[in-house]
Amino acid sequence: MAGPGRRGRKSWTSADEETFLRSKLPAYLACQANKAYDTFWPETFHEFFDRWPEQAHLSPDSVPHDGCLTEIQKDSLKNAIKSRKTAIKRWYRWQTNVAHLARSGGSNGVLKLDVTLAGGDELKGMRAPQEIEVYSQLHYKSRIKSDADAAIEAEGITSRGNKLLMRKVVTREKYSQETEDIKAEVRVKHQAALEKWRQTRELNKAGIVEQVDEETKLKALSELGGHLDRIFRHLSHKTGGFKFSCIAGGRNPITGEVVILDFHLGETDLDGTDFHVHYPKFSDVQAAYAAFVTEALCEYFLTR
């Protein structure tokens, strides 16, 4: 598996700002339960900007901190405030996603070595495709990716699991703001995917595919590197030191985009590099495999 990513920038919040936002978290959770934020957002924004005026965050050269502003400067300030409000909303959604992950993080892993080596559990069916997943499959690169990447960078997120969670947050935000034309397109595609799913479900009533929810997929991905490491180290020992390189690909369970992962066991004595570093054109291998996986997945869903 690819190693840990570089440490990103620290969160956009200062220590005092984060303390303030956290003090409002219980109120946010109460609103979240009722899906009613009519008073929460205006009050939170008012208090936040009263303590930390957005003007103070901007360069005095672009927006003066004192005095009258030109129309262009007013527009710049307005846009900055809008971006800050979006960041605050995203901060709360992110905190609740992380909290959800943490509550389940203490449980045993979802990947069991003995189960894997025995060929897996009995499989019982497939989860119905979700409308948000279809949206992501159709428009992730063109309408979601740049905002998701910016949010990940702004929050200094480095772990794969937390990146997936943030992409899920941003994807839902973007879809809620989409035009009716885009949503209509997604609904048509979703209905077609749903019909294929129903047909497949009928064929699989005897039970050959395990129903795996999104949280389980997310956990499995986070555990995959350690799982492969145990398997290949055992095999290396039994074979007298064989080296292994593994490449895999599939759909990101949150965003729906194709992702390629690689795992390597074995390093050169000279410089301690594994195959993906030792072979300068390994990126070409990844690109070719990504093209293969994309085509294979399309054929899979079209024939289901």
C-alpha atoms as a PDB file:
ATOM      1  CA  MET A   1       0.000   0.000   0.000  1.00  0.00           C
ATOM      2  CA  ALA A   2       1.180   3.516  -0.548  1.00  0.00           C
ATOM      3  CA  GLY A   3       2.841   4.949   2.534  1.00  0.00           C
ATOM      4  CA  PRO A   4       1.469   7.773   4.687  1.00  0.00           C
ATOM      5  CA  GLY A   5       0.944  11.002   2.803  1.00  0.00           C
ATOM      6  CA  ARG A   6       2.840  14.145   3.575  1.00  0.00           C
ATOM      7  CA  ARG A   7       1.481  16.143   6.396  1.00  0.00           C
ATOM      8  CA  GLY A   8      -0.923  18.718   5.018  1.00  0.00           C
ATOM      9  CA  ARG A   9      -1.466  22.267   6.118  1.00  0.00           C
ATOM     10  CA  LYS A  10      -2.931  22.769   9.555  1.00  0.00           C
ATOM     11  CA  SER A  11      -6.631  23.414   9.893  1.00  0.00           C
ATOM     12  CA  TRP A  12      -7.865  26.844   8.826  1.00  0.00           C
ATOM     13  CA  THR A  13      -9.113  27.462  12.377  1.00  0.00           C
ATOM     14  CA  SER A  14      -7.014  29.051  15.096  1.00  0.00           C
ATOM     15  CA  ALA A  15      -7.035  27.448  18.550  1.00  0.00           C
ATOM     16  CA  ASP A  16      -9.570  30.016  19.799  1.00  0.00           C
ATOM     17  CA  GLU A  17     -11.775  29.624  16.744  1.00  0.00           C
ATOM     18  CA  GLU A  18     -11.810  25.859  17.109  1.00  0.00           C
ATOM     19  CA  THR A  19     -12.648  26.164  20.812  1.00  0.00           C
ATOM     20  CA  PHE A  20     -15.588  28.377  19.896  1.00  0.00           C
ATOM     21  CA  LEU A  21     -16.843  26.017  17.186  1.00  0.00           C
ATOM     22  CA  ARG A  22     -16.544  23.035  19.505  1.00  0.00           C
ATOM     23  CA  SER A  23     -18.569  24.854  22.159  1.00  0.00           C
ATOM     24  CA  LYS A  24     -21.415  24.938  19.642  1.00  0.00           C
ATOM     25  CA  LEU A  25     -21.125  21.273  18.683  1.00  0.00           C
ATOM     26  CA  PRO A  26     -23.830  20.019  21.110  1.00  0.00           C
ATOM     27  CA  ALA A  27     -26.264  22.554  19.668  1.00  0.00           C
ATOM     28  CA  TYR A  28     -25.339  21.474  16.144  1.00  0.00           C
ATOM     29  CA  LEU A  29     -25.943  17.815  16.983  1.00  0.00           C
ATOM     30  CA  ALA A  30     -29.365  18.712  18.385  1.00  0.00           C
ATOM     31  CA  CYS A  31     -30.205  20.545  15.152  1.00  0.00           C
ATOM     32  CA  GLN A  32     -28.828  17.682  13.100  1.00  0.00           C
ATOM     33  CA  ALA A  33     -31.164  15.237  14.804  1.00  0.00           C
ATOM     34  CA  ASN A  34     -34.170  17.354  13.749  1.00  0.00           C
ATOM     35  CA  LYS A  35     -32.615  18.523  10.451  1.00  0.00           C
ATOM     36  CA  ALA A  36     -33.486  22.088  11.455  1.00  0.00           C
ATOM     37  CA  TYR A  37     -30.705  24.683  11.355  1.00  0.00           C
ATOM     38  CA  ASP A  38     -32.747  27.866  10.905  1.00  0.00           C
ATOM     39  CA  THR A  39     -31.478  29.478  14.107  1.00  0.00           C
ATOM     40  CA  PHE A  40     -28.173  27.653  14.517  1.00  0.00           C
ATOM     41  CA  TRP A  41     -26.390  28.970  11.419  1.00  0.00           C
ATOM     42  CA  PRO A  42     -27.351  32.664  11.754  1.00  0.00           C
ATOM     43  CA  GLU A  43     -26.445  32.726  15.457  1.00  0.00           C
ATOM     44  CA  THR A  44     -23.172  30.870  14.960  1.00  0.00           C
ATOM     45  CA  PHE A  45     -22.114  33.043  12.019  1.00  0.00           C
ATOM     46  CA  HIS A  46     -23.011  36.224  13.910  1.00  0.00           C
ATOM     47  CA  GLU A  47     -20.971  35.247  16.962  1.00  0.00           C
ATOM     48  CA  PHE A  48     -18.049  33.991  14.884  1.00  0.00           C
ATOM     49  CA  PHE A  49     -17.711  37.114  12.733  1.00  0.00           C
ATOM     50  CA  ASP A  50     -18.303  39.356  15.746  1.00  0.00           C
ATOM     51  CA  ARG A  51     -15.210  37.807  17.367  1.00  0.00           C
ATOM     52  CA  TRP A  52     -13.140  37.330  14.212  1.00  0.00           C
ATOM     53  CA  PRO A  53     -14.188  39.784  11.484  1.00  0.00           C
ATOM     54  CA  GLU A  54     -13.404  38.390   8.062  1.00  0.00           C
ATOM     55  CA  GLN A  55     -11.820  41.685   7.054  1.00  0.00           C
ATOM     56  CA  ALA A  56      -9.006  41.000   9.518  1.00  0.00           C
ATOM     57  CA  HIS A  57      -8.129  37.779   7.679  1.00  0.00           C
ATOM     58  CA  LEU A  58      -7.651  39.553   4.351  1.00  0.00           C
ATOM     59  CA  SER A  59      -4.586  41.379   3.130  1.00  0.00           C
ATOM     60  CA  PRO A  60      -4.831  45.154   3.749  1.00  0.00           C
ATOM     61  CA  ASP A  61      -3.603  45.628   0.188  1.00  0.00           C
ATOM     62  CA  SER A  62      -6.673  43.923  -1.228  1.00  0.00           C
ATOM     63  CA  VAL A  63      -9.278  44.872   1.395  1.00  0.00           C
ATOM     64  CA  PRO A  64      -8.347  47.679   3.851  1.00  0.00           C
ATOM     65  CA  HIS A  65      -9.103  46.901   7.483  1.00  0.00           C
ATOM     66  CA  ASP A  66     -10.328  50.441   8.096  1.00  0.00           C
ATOM     67  CA  GLY A  67     -12.158  53.046   6.073  1.00  0.00           C
ATOM     68  CA  CYS A  68     -14.559  52.878   3.181  1.00  0.00           C
ATOM     69  CA  LEU A  69     -14.361  50.084   0.615  1.00  0.00           C
ATOM     70  CA  THR A  70     -14.701  50.238  -3.138  1.00  0.00           C
ATOM     71  CA  GLU A  71     -17.306  48.100  -4.863  1.00  0.00           C
ATOM     72  CA  ILE A  72     -14.616  45.627  -5.912  1.00  0.00           C
ATOM     73  CA  GLN A  73     -13.336  45.416  -2.328  1.00  0.00           C
ATOM     74  CA  LYS A  74     -16.884  44.904  -1.052  1.00  0.00           C
ATOM     75  CA  ASP A  75     -17.317  42.015  -3.498  1.00  0.00           C
ATOM     76  CA  SER A  76     -14.016  40.489  -2.360  1.00  0.00           C
ATOM     77  CA  LEU A  77     -15.098  40.712   1.279  1.00  0.00           C
ATOM     78  CA  LYS A  78     -18.517  39.277   0.461  1.00  0.00           C
ATOM     79  CA  ASN A  79     -16.942  36.303  -1.315  1.00  0.00           C
ATOM     80  CA  ALA A  80     -14.513  35.738   1.556  1.00  0.00           C
ATOM     81  CA  ILE A  81     -17.377  35.703   4.069  1.00  0.00           C
ATOM     82  CA  LYS A  82     -19.287  33.248   1.894  1.00  0.00           C
ATOM     83  CA  SER A  83     -16.247  30.950   1.727  1.00  0.00           C
ATOM     84  CA  ARG A  84     -15.771  31.185   5.488  1.00  0.00           C
ATOM     85  CA  LYS A  85     -19.403  30.222   6.091  1.00  0.00           C
ATOM     86  CA  THR A  86     -18.975  27.213   3.813  1.00  0.00           C
ATOM     87  CA  ALA A  87     -15.835  26.213   5.734  1.00  0.00           C
ATOM     88  CA  ILE A  88     -17.685  26.500   9.056  1.00  0.00           C
ATOM     89  CA  LYS A  89     -20.557  24.340   7.818  1.00  0.00           C
ATOM     90  CA  ARG A  90     -18.101  21.805   6.471  1.00  0.00           C
ATOM     91  CA  TRP A  91     -16.224  21.820   9.778  1.00  0.00           C
ATOM     92  CA  TYR A  92     -19.368  20.702  11.643  1.00  0.00           C
ATOM     93  CA  ARG A  93     -20.244  18.037   9.073  1.00  0.00           C
ATOM     94  CA  TRP A  94     -16.667  16.794   9.227  1.00  0.00           C
ATOM     95  CA  GLN A  95     -16.655  16.603  13.015  1.00  0.00           C
ATOM     96  CA  THR A  96     -19.787  14.483  13.064  1.00  0.00           C
ATOM     97  CA  ASN A  97     -18.381  12.143  10.411  1.00  0.00           C
ATOM     98  CA  VAL A  98     -15.157  11.708  12.372  1.00  0.00           C
ATOM     99  CA  ALA A  99     -17.146  11.131  15.558  1.00  0.00           C
ATOM    100  CA  HIS A 100     -19.139   8.429  13.813  1.00  0.00           C
ATOM    101  CA  LEU A 101     -15.936   6.751  12.641  1.00  0.00           C
ATOM    102  CA  ALA A 102     -14.397   6.982  16.116  1.00  0.00           C
ATOM    103  CA  ARG A 103     -17.414   5.366  17.779  1.00  0.00           C
ATOM    104  CA  SER A 104     -16.998   2.301  15.605  1.00  0.00           C
ATOM    105  CA  GLY A 105     -13.201   2.373  15.514  1.00  0.00           C
ATOM    106  CA  GLY A 106     -12.751   0.355  18.683  1.00  0.00           C
ATOM    107  CA  SER A 107     -14.429  -2.718  17.278  1.00  0.00           C
ATOM    108  CA  ASN A 108     -12.535  -5.625  15.784  1.00  0.00           C
ATOM    109  CA  GLY A 109     -11.313  -5.295  12.223  1.00  0.00           C
ATOM    110  CA  VAL A 110     -13.586  -6.342   9.388  1.00  0.00           C
ATOM    111  CA  LEU A 111     -10.845  -8.276   7.585  1.00  0.00           C
ATOM    112  CA  LYS A 112     -10.110 -11.650   9.220  1.00  0.00           C
ATOM    113  CA  LEU A 113      -7.022 -13.552   8.090  1.00  0.00           C
ATOM    114  CA  ASP A 114      -8.566 -16.976   8.679  1.00  0.00           C
ATOM    115  CA  VAL A 115     -11.728 -15.985   6.816  1.00  0.00           C
ATOM    116  CA  THR A 116      -9.720 -14.614   3.888  1.00  0.00           C
ATOM    117  CA  LEU A 117      -7.564 -17.738   3.625  1.00  0.00           C
ATOM    118  CA  ALA A 118     -10.684 -19.905   3.859  1.00  0.00           C
ATOM    119  CA  GLY A 119     -12.202 -18.170   0.851  1.00  0.00           C
ATOM    120  CA  GLY A 120     -14.443 -15.665   2.614  1.00  0.00           C
ATOM    121  CA  ASP A 121     -17.821 -15.678   4.290  1.00  0.00           C
ATOM    122  CA  GLU A 122     -21.041 -16.755   2.634  1.00  0.00           C
ATOM    123  CA  LEU A 123     -22.293 -13.924   0.459  1.00  0.00           C
ATOM    124  CA  LYS A 124     -25.856 -12.744   0.650  1.00  0.00           C
ATOM    125  CA  GLY A 125     -26.634 -10.018  -1.861  1.00  0.00           C
ATOM    126  CA  MET A 126     -25.795  -6.486  -2.920  1.00  0.00           C
ATOM    127  CA  ARG A 127     -26.710  -3.101  -1.504  1.00  0.00           C
ATOM    128  CA  ALA A 128     -28.906  -0.992  -3.758  1.00  0.00           C
ATOM    129  CA  PRO A 129     -27.026   1.754  -5.626  1.00  0.00           C
ATOM    130  CA  GLN A 130     -27.538   5.208  -4.117  1.00  0.00           C
ATOM    131  CA  GLU A 131     -28.406   8.365  -6.032  1.00  0.00           C
ATOM    132  CA  ILE A 132     -25.407  10.196  -4.538  1.00  0.00           C
ATOM    133  CA  GLU A 133     -23.091   7.424  -5.780  1.00  0.00           C
ATOM    134  CA  VAL A 134     -24.402   7.767  -9.319  1.00  0.00           C
ATOM    135  CA  TYR A 135     -23.823  11.525  -9.138  1.00  0.00           C
ATOM    136  CA  SER A 136     -20.246  10.933  -8.012  1.00  0.00           C
ATOM    137  CA  GLN A 137     -19.579   8.385 -10.757  1.00  0.00           C
ATOM    138  CA  LEU A 138     -20.855  10.799 -13.405  1.00  0.00           C
ATOM    139  CA  HIS A 139     -19.387  14.079 -12.195  1.00  0.00           C
ATOM    140  CA  TYR A 140     -16.674  13.536  -9.577  1.00  0.00           C
ATOM    141  CA  LYS A 141     -13.726  14.754 -11.657  1.00  0.00           C
ATOM    142  CA  SER A 142     -15.539  17.677 -13.277  1.00  0.00           C
ATOM    143  CA  ARG A 143     -17.718  18.984 -10.419  1.00  0.00           C
ATOM    144  CA  ILE A 144     -16.504  17.600  -7.074  1.00  0.00           C
ATOM    145  CA  LYS A 145     -12.800  16.729  -7.051  1.00  0.00           C
ATOM    146  CA  SER A 146     -11.323  20.246  -6.895  1.00  0.00           C
ATOM    147  CA  ASP A 147     -13.518  21.248  -3.933  1.00  0.00           C
ATOM    148  CA  ALA A 148     -12.875  17.950  -2.154  1.00  0.00           C
ATOM    149  CA  ASP A 149      -9.098  18.268  -2.639  1.00  0.00           C
ATOM    150  CA  ALA A 150      -9.190  21.851  -1.358  1.00  0.00           C
ATOM    151  CA  ALA A 151     -11.147  20.811   1.743  1.00  0.00           C
ATOM    152  CA  ILE A 152      -8.718  17.973   2.464  1.00  0.00           C
ATOM    153  CA  GLU A 153      -5.749  20.321   2.119  1.00  0.00           C
ATOM    154  CA  ALA A 154      -7.376  23.027   4.235  1.00  0.00           C
ATOM    155  CA  GLU A 155      -8.024  20.584   7.066  1.00  0.00           C
ATOM    156  CA  GLY A 156      -4.558  19.021   6.853  1.00  0.00           C
ATOM    157  CA  ILE A 157      -6.029  15.531   6.362  1.00  0.00           C
ATOM    158  CA  THR A 158      -3.523  12.801   5.515  1.00  0.00           C
ATOM    159  CA  SER A 159      -5.077   9.403   6.294  1.00  0.00           C
ATOM    160  CA  ARG A 160      -6.935   7.571   3.541  1.00  0.00           C
ATOM    161  CA  GLY A 161     -10.003   6.898   5.689  1.00  0.00           C
ATOM    162  CA  ASN A 162     -10.437  10.522   6.698  1.00  0.00           C
ATOM    163  CA  LYS A 163      -9.900  11.678   3.115  1.00  0.00           C
ATOM    164  CA  LEU A 164     -12.726   9.388   2.035  1.00  0.00           C
ATOM    165  CA  LEU A 165     -14.973  10.805   4.717  1.00  0.00           C
ATOM    166  CA  MET A 166     -14.255  14.390   3.679  1.00  0.00           C
ATOM    167  CA  ARG A 167     -14.920  13.527   0.027  1.00  0.00           C
ATOM    168  CA  LYS A 168     -18.263  12.102   1.105  1.00  0.00           C
ATOM    169  CA  VAL A 169     -19.093  15.332   2.946  1.00  0.00           C
ATOM    170  CA  VAL A 170     -18.166  17.493  -0.052  1.00  0.00           C
ATOM    171  CA  THR A 171     -19.968  15.228  -2.542  1.00  0.00           C
ATOM    172  CA  ARG A 172     -23.223  15.554  -0.609  1.00  0.00           C
ATOM    173  CA  GLU A 173     -22.749  19.316  -0.355  1.00  0.00           C
ATOM    174  CA  LYS A 174     -22.194  19.661  -4.084  1.00  0.00           C
ATOM    175  CA  TYR A 175     -25.164  17.484  -5.010  1.00  0.00           C
ATOM    176  CA  SER A 176     -27.511  19.431  -2.764  1.00  0.00           C
ATOM    177  CA  GLN A 177     -26.496  22.595  -4.656  1.00  0.00           C
ATOM    178  CA  GLU A 178     -26.748  21.141  -8.171  1.00  0.00           C
ATOM    179  CA  THR A 179     -29.145  22.367 -10.838  1.00  0.00           C
ATOM    180  CA  GLU A 180     -32.343  20.487 -11.550  1.00  0.00           C
ATOM    181  CA  ASP A 181     -30.931  19.460 -14.952  1.00  0.00           C
ATOM    182  CA  ILE A 182     -28.011  17.689 -13.314  1.00  0.00           C
ATOM    183  CA  LYS A 183     -30.226  16.071 -10.689  1.00  0.00           C
ATOM    184  CA  ALA A 184     -32.663  14.901 -13.384  1.00  0.00           C
ATOM    185  CA  GLU A 185     -29.780  13.312 -15.300  1.00  0.00           C
ATOM    186  CA  VAL A 186     -28.592  11.563 -12.128  1.00  0.00           C
ATOM    187  CA  ARG A 187     -32.078  10.285 -11.298  1.00  0.00           C
ATOM    188  CA  VAL A 188     -32.456   8.725 -14.750  1.00  0.00           C
ATOM    189  CA  LYS A 189     -29.086   6.974 -14.446  1.00  0.00           C
ATOM    190  CA  HIS A 190     -29.909   5.949 -10.888  1.00  0.00           C
ATOM    191  CA  GLN A 191     -33.180   4.342 -11.907  1.00  0.00           C
ATOM    192  CA  ALA A 192     -31.374   2.373 -14.630  1.00  0.00           C
ATOM    193  CA  ALA A 193     -28.745   1.203 -12.124  1.00  0.00           C
ATOM    194  CA  LEU A 194     -31.474   0.351  -9.631  1.00  0.00           C
ATOM    195  CA  GLU A 195     -33.286  -1.803 -12.161  1.00  0.00           C
ATOM    196  CA  LYS A 196     -30.076  -3.730 -12.916  1.00  0.00           C
ATOM    197  CA  TRP A 197     -29.558  -4.160  -9.188  1.00  0.00           C
ATOM    198  CA  ARG A 198     -33.066  -5.573  -8.757  1.00  0.00           C
ATOM    199  CA  GLN A 199     -32.487  -8.056 -11.566  1.00  0.00           C
ATOM    200  CA  THR A 200     -29.180  -9.128 -10.036  1.00  0.00           C
ATOM    201  CA  ARG A 201     -30.784  -9.459  -6.617  1.00  0.00           C
ATOM    202  CA  GLU A 202     -33.406 -11.800  -8.004  1.00  0.00           C
ATOM    203  CA  LEU A 203     -30.695 -13.960  -9.541  1.00  0.00           C
ATOM    204  CA  ASN A 204     -28.755 -14.002  -6.261  1.00  0.00           C
ATOM    205  CA  LYS A 205     -31.603 -14.858  -3.920  1.00  0.00           C
ATOM    206  CA  ALA A 206     -29.858 -18.111  -3.144  1.00  0.00           C
ATOM    207  CA  GLY A 207     -27.171 -15.926  -1.605  1.00  0.00           C
ATOM    208  CA  ILE A 208     -23.700 -15.660  -3.099  1.00  0.00           C
ATOM    209  CA  VAL A 209     -22.738 -12.033  -2.440  1.00  0.00           C
ATOM    210  CA  GLU A 210     -22.333 -10.557   1.024  1.00  0.00           C
ATOM    211  CA  GLN A 211     -24.117  -7.288   1.689  1.00  0.00           C
ATOM    212  CA  VAL A 212     -21.377  -4.830   2.614  1.00  0.00           C
ATOM    213  CA  ASP A 213     -22.268  -1.345   3.833  1.00  0.00           C
ATOM    214  CA  GLU A 214     -20.189   1.775   3.184  1.00  0.00           C
ATOM    215  CA  GLU A 215     -18.685   1.870   6.676  1.00  0.00           C
ATOM    216  CA  THR A 216     -17.486  -1.724   6.355  1.00  0.00           C
ATOM    217  CA  LYS A 217     -15.924  -0.996   2.971  1.00  0.00           C
ATOM    218  CA  LEU A 218     -14.180   2.017   4.453  1.00  0.00           C
ATOM    219  CA  LYS A 219     -12.811  -0.049   7.334  1.00  0.00           C
ATOM    220  CA  ALA A 220     -11.703  -2.816   4.980  1.00  0.00           C
ATOM    221  CA  LEU A 221      -9.756  -0.344   2.859  1.00  0.00           C
ATOM    222  CA  SER A 222      -8.033   1.093   5.914  1.00  0.00           C
ATOM    223  CA  GLU A 223      -7.083  -2.426   7.068  1.00  0.00           C
ATOM    224  CA  LEU A 224      -6.054  -3.717   3.657  1.00  0.00           C
ATOM    225  CA  GLY A 225      -2.360  -2.810   3.897  1.00  0.00           C
ATOM    226  CA  GLY A 226      -1.839  -4.593   7.202  1.00  0.00           C
ATOM    227  CA  HIS A 227      -3.877  -7.565   6.018  1.00  0.00           C
ATOM    228  CA  LEU A 228      -1.775  -7.986   2.864  1.00  0.00           C
ATOM    229  CA  ASP A 229       1.415  -7.504   4.848  1.00  0.00           C
ATOM    230  CA  ARG A 230       0.574 -10.455   7.122  1.00  0.00           C
ATOM    231  CA  ILE A 231      -0.389 -12.678   4.204  1.00  0.00           C
ATOM    232  CA  PHE A 232       2.658 -11.921   2.068  1.00  0.00           C
ATOM    233  CA  ARG A 233       5.133 -12.107   4.956  1.00  0.00           C
ATOM    234  CA  HIS A 234       3.774 -15.561   5.759  1.00  0.00           C
ATOM    235  CA  LEU A 235       4.056 -16.608   2.118  1.00  0.00           C
ATOM    236  CA  SER A 236       7.552 -15.125   1.853  1.00  0.00           C
ATOM    237  CA  HIS A 237       8.650 -17.131   4.870  1.00  0.00           C
ATOM    238  CA  LYS A 238       7.146 -20.368   3.544  1.00  0.00           C
ATOM    239  CA  THR A 239       8.708 -19.894   0.089  1.00  0.00           C
ATOM    240  CA  GLY A 240      12.187 -19.083   1.345  1.00  0.00           C
ATOM    241  CA  GLY A 241      12.130 -15.350   0.805  1.00  0.00           C
ATOM    242  CA  PHE A 242       9.940 -14.669  -2.239  1.00  0.00           C
ATOM    243  CA  LYS A 243       9.237 -10.989  -2.905  1.00  0.00           C
ATOM    244  CA  PHE A 244       5.738  -9.776  -3.726  1.00  0.00           C
ATOM    245  CA  SER A 245       4.152  -6.825  -5.497  1.00  0.00           C
ATOM    246  CA  CYS A 246       0.392  -6.485  -5.552  1.00  0.00           C
ATOM    247  CA  ILE A 247      -1.702  -3.963  -7.475  1.00  0.00           C
ATOM    248  CA  ALA A 248      -5.441  -3.594  -7.017  1.00  0.00           C
ATOM    249  CA  GLY A 249      -8.150  -1.211  -8.095  1.00  0.00           C
ATOM    250  CA  GLY A 250     -11.814  -0.518  -7.731  1.00  0.00           C
ATOM    251  CA  ARG A 251     -14.370   2.135  -6.940  1.00  0.00           C
ATOM    252  CA  ASN A 252     -13.844   4.351  -3.937  1.00  0.00           C
ATOM    253  CA  PRO A 253     -16.802   3.382  -1.696  1.00  0.00           C
ATOM    254  CA  ILE A 254     -17.536   7.037  -0.899  1.00  0.00           C
ATOM    255  CA  THR A 255     -16.823   8.992  -4.087  1.00  0.00           C
ATOM    256  CA  GLY A 256     -17.312   6.286  -6.694  1.00  0.00           C
ATOM    257  CA  GLU A 257     -14.103   7.230  -8.517  1.00  0.00           C
ATOM    258  CA  VAL A 258     -11.624   4.560  -9.568  1.00  0.00           C
ATOM    259  CA  VAL A 259      -8.658   4.219  -7.197  1.00  0.00           C
ATOM    260  CA  ILE A 260      -5.498   2.164  -7.658  1.00  0.00           C
ATOM    261  CA  LEU A 261      -3.590   0.756  -4.685  1.00  0.00           C
ATOM    262  CA  ASP A 262      -0.276  -1.073  -4.594  1.00  0.00           C
ATOM    263  CA  PHE A 263       1.527  -3.129  -1.958  1.00  0.00           C
ATOM    264  CA  HIS A 264       5.124  -4.306  -2.060  1.00  0.00           C
ATOM    265  CA  LEU A 265       7.083  -6.706   0.130  1.00  0.00           C
ATOM    266  CA  GLY A 266      10.801  -6.754  -0.544  1.00  0.00           C
ATOM    267  CA  GLU A 267      13.512  -4.099  -0.753  1.00  0.00           C
ATOM    268  CA  THR A 268      16.881  -3.877  -2.473  1.00  0.00           C
ATOM    269  CA  ASP A 269      19.972  -4.252  -0.306  1.00  0.00           C
ATOM    270  CA  LEU A 270      21.686  -1.284  -1.936  1.00  0.00           C
ATOM    271  CA  ASP A 271      19.246   1.532  -1.244  1.00  0.00           C
ATOM    272  CA  GLY A 272      16.316  -0.110   0.558  1.00  0.00           C
ATOM    273  CA  THR A 273      13.739   0.690  -2.130  1.00  0.00           C
ATOM    274  CA  ASP A 274      10.772  -1.499  -3.008  1.00  0.00           C
ATOM    275  CA  PHE A 275       9.599  -2.207  -6.555  1.00  0.00           C
ATOM    276  CA  HIS A 276       7.388   0.836  -7.028  1.00  0.00           C
ATOM    277  CA  VAL A 277      10.378   3.101  -6.295  1.00  0.00           C
ATOM    278  CA  HIS A 278      13.013   0.901  -7.924  1.00  0.00           C
ATOM    279  CA  TYR A 279      11.178   0.747 -11.260  1.00  0.00           C
ATOM    280  CA  PRO A 280      11.080   4.304 -12.678  1.00  0.00           C
ATOM    281  CA  LYS A 281       8.107   3.599 -14.950  1.00  0.00           C
ATOM    282  CA  PHE A 282       5.861   2.143 -12.268  1.00  0.00           C
ATOM    283  CA  SER A 283       3.514   5.106 -12.728  1.00  0.00           C
ATOM    284  CA  ASP A 284       2.928   3.823 -16.279  1.00  0.00           C
ATOM    285  CA  VAL A 285       1.934   0.449 -14.813  1.00  0.00           C
ATOM    286  CA  GLN A 286      -0.511   2.182 -12.480  1.00  0.00           C
ATOM    287  CA  ALA A 287      -1.992   4.215 -15.347  1.00  0.00           C
ATOM    288  CA  ALA A 288      -2.441   1.125 -17.516  1.00  0.00           C
ATOM    289  CA  TYR A 289      -4.034  -0.756 -14.640  1.00  0.00           C
ATOM    290  CA  ALA A 290      -6.345   2.173 -13.898  1.00  0.00           C
ATOM    291  CA  ALA A 291      -7.541   2.080 -17.524  1.00  0.00           C
ATOM    292  CA  PHE A 292      -8.118  -1.671 -17.245  1.00  0.00           C
ATOM    293  CA  VAL A 293     -10.046  -1.367 -13.961  1.00  0.00           C
ATOM    294  CA  THR A 294     -12.213   1.440 -15.337  1.00  0.00           C
ATOM    295  CA  GLU A 295     -13.130  -0.655 -18.380  1.00  0.00           C
ATOM    296  CA  ALA A 296     -13.677  -3.791 -16.314  1.00  0.00           C
ATOM    297  CA  LEU A 297     -15.968  -1.974 -13.876  1.00  0.00           C
ATOM    298  CA  CYS A 298     -18.012  -0.468 -16.696  1.00  0.00           C
ATOM    299  CA  GLU A 299     -18.479  -3.906 -18.268  1.00  0.00           C
ATOM    300  CA  TYR A 300     -19.356  -5.368 -14.867  1.00  0.00           C
ATOM    301  CA  PHE A 301     -22.125  -2.867 -14.187  1.00  0.00           C
ATOM    302  CA  LEU A 302     -23.455  -3.014 -17.737  1.00  0.00           C
ATOM    303  CA  THR A 303     -23.799  -6.795 -17.593  1.00  0.00           C
ATOM    304  CA  ARG A 304     -25.279  -7.017 -14.102  1.00  0.00           C
END
